[in-house]
Protein backbone atom coordinates (compact mmCIF):
# COMPACT_ATOMS: atom_id res chain seq x y z
CA UNK A 1 -83.23 56.39 -27.73
CA UNK A 2 -85.98 57.44 -30.03
CA UNK A 3 -87.57 55.18 -32.56
CA UNK A 4 -89.00 56.70 -35.75
CA UNK A 5 -91.40 54.99 -38.12
CA UNK A 6 -92.88 56.59 -41.26
CA UNK A 7 -95.90 55.42 -43.23
CA UNK A 8 -98.24 56.62 -45.95
CA UNK A 9 -96.11 56.68 -49.07
CA UNK A 10 -97.19 55.28 -52.39
CA UNK A 11 -97.99 55.95 -56.03
CA UNK A 12 -100.15 58.95 -56.88
CA UNK A 13 -101.03 60.77 -60.07
CA UNK A 14 -99.95 64.38 -60.66
CA UNK A 15 -102.31 66.75 -58.90
CA UNK A 16 -103.19 64.13 -56.31
CA UNK A 17 -102.65 64.09 -52.59
CA UNK A 18 -100.95 61.91 -49.99
CA UNK A 19 -100.57 62.14 -46.21
CA UNK A 20 -97.46 60.83 -44.55
CA UNK A 21 -97.33 59.92 -40.88
CA UNK A 22 -94.37 59.56 -38.54
CA UNK A 23 -94.63 57.93 -35.15
CA UNK A 24 -92.06 58.60 -32.45
CA UNK A 25 -91.50 56.35 -29.46
CA UNK A 26 -88.94 56.00 -26.68
CA UNK A 27 -87.43 59.06 -25.07
CA UNK A 28 -89.59 61.48 -27.03
CA UNK A 29 -89.27 64.14 -24.28
CA UNK A 30 -85.75 64.84 -25.59
CA UNK A 31 -86.96 65.91 -29.06
CA UNK A 32 -86.81 69.65 -29.70
CA UNK A 33 -87.29 69.72 -33.46
CA UNK A 34 -88.82 67.29 -35.97
CA UNK A 35 -89.14 67.41 -39.74
CA UNK A 36 -89.50 65.76 -43.11
CA UNK A 37 -86.69 65.36 -45.60
CA UNK A 38 -86.72 63.84 -49.05
CA UNK A 39 -84.21 62.30 -51.38
CA UNK A 40 -85.03 62.08 -55.05
CA UNK A 41 -83.30 59.33 -57.09
CA UNK A 42 -79.63 60.13 -57.56
CA UNK A 43 -79.86 63.36 -55.56
CA UNK A 44 -79.02 64.50 -52.05
CA UNK A 45 -81.40 64.45 -49.13
CA UNK A 46 -82.97 67.88 -48.50
CA UNK A 47 -85.28 69.42 -45.91
CA UNK A 48 -88.98 69.62 -46.89
CA UNK A 49 -90.49 71.04 -43.73
CA UNK A 50 -89.83 71.15 -40.05
CA UNK A 51 -91.44 72.20 -36.77
CA UNK A 52 -89.73 72.97 -33.49
CA UNK A 53 -90.78 72.76 -29.85
CA UNK A 54 -92.19 76.30 -30.07
CA UNK A 55 -94.34 75.25 -33.05
CA UNK A 56 -92.33 77.39 -35.39
CA UNK A 57 -92.70 75.93 -38.90
CA UNK A 58 -90.60 76.29 -42.03
CA UNK A 59 -90.99 74.93 -45.54
CA UNK A 60 -88.74 74.48 -48.53
CA UNK A 61 -89.71 76.99 -51.25
CA UNK A 62 -90.57 74.13 -53.62
CA UNK A 63 -93.42 72.89 -51.41
CA UNK A 64 -94.82 76.12 -49.94
CA UNK A 65 -98.61 76.34 -50.42
CA UNK A 66 -98.84 72.63 -51.30
CA UNK A 67 -97.49 70.76 -48.27
CA UNK A 68 -98.54 71.15 -44.64
CA UNK A 69 -96.63 69.82 -41.66
CA UNK A 70 -98.44 69.17 -38.38
CA UNK A 71 -98.14 67.14 -35.26
CA UNK A 72 -100.15 65.57 -32.49
CA UNK A 73 -98.15 66.12 -29.34
CA UNK A 74 -100.23 63.78 -27.23
CA UNK A 75 -99.70 60.88 -29.67
CA UNK A 76 -96.08 61.75 -30.51
CA UNK A 77 -96.99 61.71 -34.19
CA UNK A 78 -96.10 64.05 -37.06
CA UNK A 79 -97.78 64.39 -40.37
CA UNK A 80 -97.09 65.80 -43.85
CA UNK A 81 -100.12 66.54 -45.94
CA UNK A 82 -99.05 66.77 -49.56
CA UNK A 83 -101.45 68.30 -52.09
CA UNK A 84 -101.15 69.09 -55.78
CA UNK A 85 -98.30 66.66 -56.09
CA UNK A 86 -95.92 66.99 -59.04
CA UNK A 87 -93.58 64.48 -60.67
CA UNK A 88 -90.65 66.34 -59.16
CA UNK A 89 -91.98 65.48 -55.69
CA UNK A 90 -91.00 61.85 -56.40
CA UNK A 91 -88.57 60.82 -53.67
CA UNK A 92 -88.03 58.75 -50.59
CA UNK A 93 -89.39 60.78 -47.69
CA UNK A 94 -87.69 60.54 -44.34
CA UNK A 95 -88.84 61.56 -40.89
CA UNK A 96 -86.18 63.16 -38.70
CA UNK A 97 -85.91 64.18 -35.08
CA UNK A 98 -83.34 66.37 -33.36
CA UNK A 99 -83.01 65.41 -29.76
CA UNK A 100 -80.75 66.31 -26.89
CA UNK A 101 -77.27 64.87 -27.77
CA UNK A 102 -78.49 63.00 -30.83
CA UNK A 103 -80.62 62.87 -33.98
CA UNK A 104 -82.79 60.11 -35.36
CA UNK A 105 -83.99 59.05 -38.83
CA UNK A 106 -86.79 56.84 -39.97
CA UNK A 107 -86.36 54.16 -42.60
CA UNK A 108 -87.99 56.27 -45.31
CA UNK A 109 -91.21 55.86 -47.27
CA UNK A 110 -91.24 56.17 -51.07
CA UNK A 111 -93.52 58.59 -52.85
CA UNK A 112 -93.93 58.29 -56.60
CA UNK A 113 -95.87 60.88 -58.57
CA UNK A 114 -96.59 59.60 -62.06
CA UNK A 115 -99.41 59.14 -64.48
C-alpha cells in the first residue's frame, strides 16, 4: 500500500505562484510513475504533469512554460511549482501514483486563482 498526501493549495491572485507538495509513504518502491491531476468545478479530472521512473516528464499544453514538476527521490516527495497562475487554473489538484498492480490518489488540495 502507498499513502499519498498533498499540501500547498490555497488562494492566489492571477499572476501569482504556488508550490504544491505530495508525500508518498508505504511501499514506495513499487511506484513507477507519479503525477498531478486537477479537476475544475463541474469538470472532469485531467492530467497536469507527470514523471516516470526514468525521469521522463510530460505536461498538459495548458500549463507548459508555467508549471514545473519535480521530485526528491530520497524523501519520496513530489512537487508542482505553479507560476503565472490564471483563473482557469482554479481546481482541486490531486497527486497520483501508478504502482505495480495498483494506483493511488491523494485527497486533493484546492487551488483558487482569483482577484
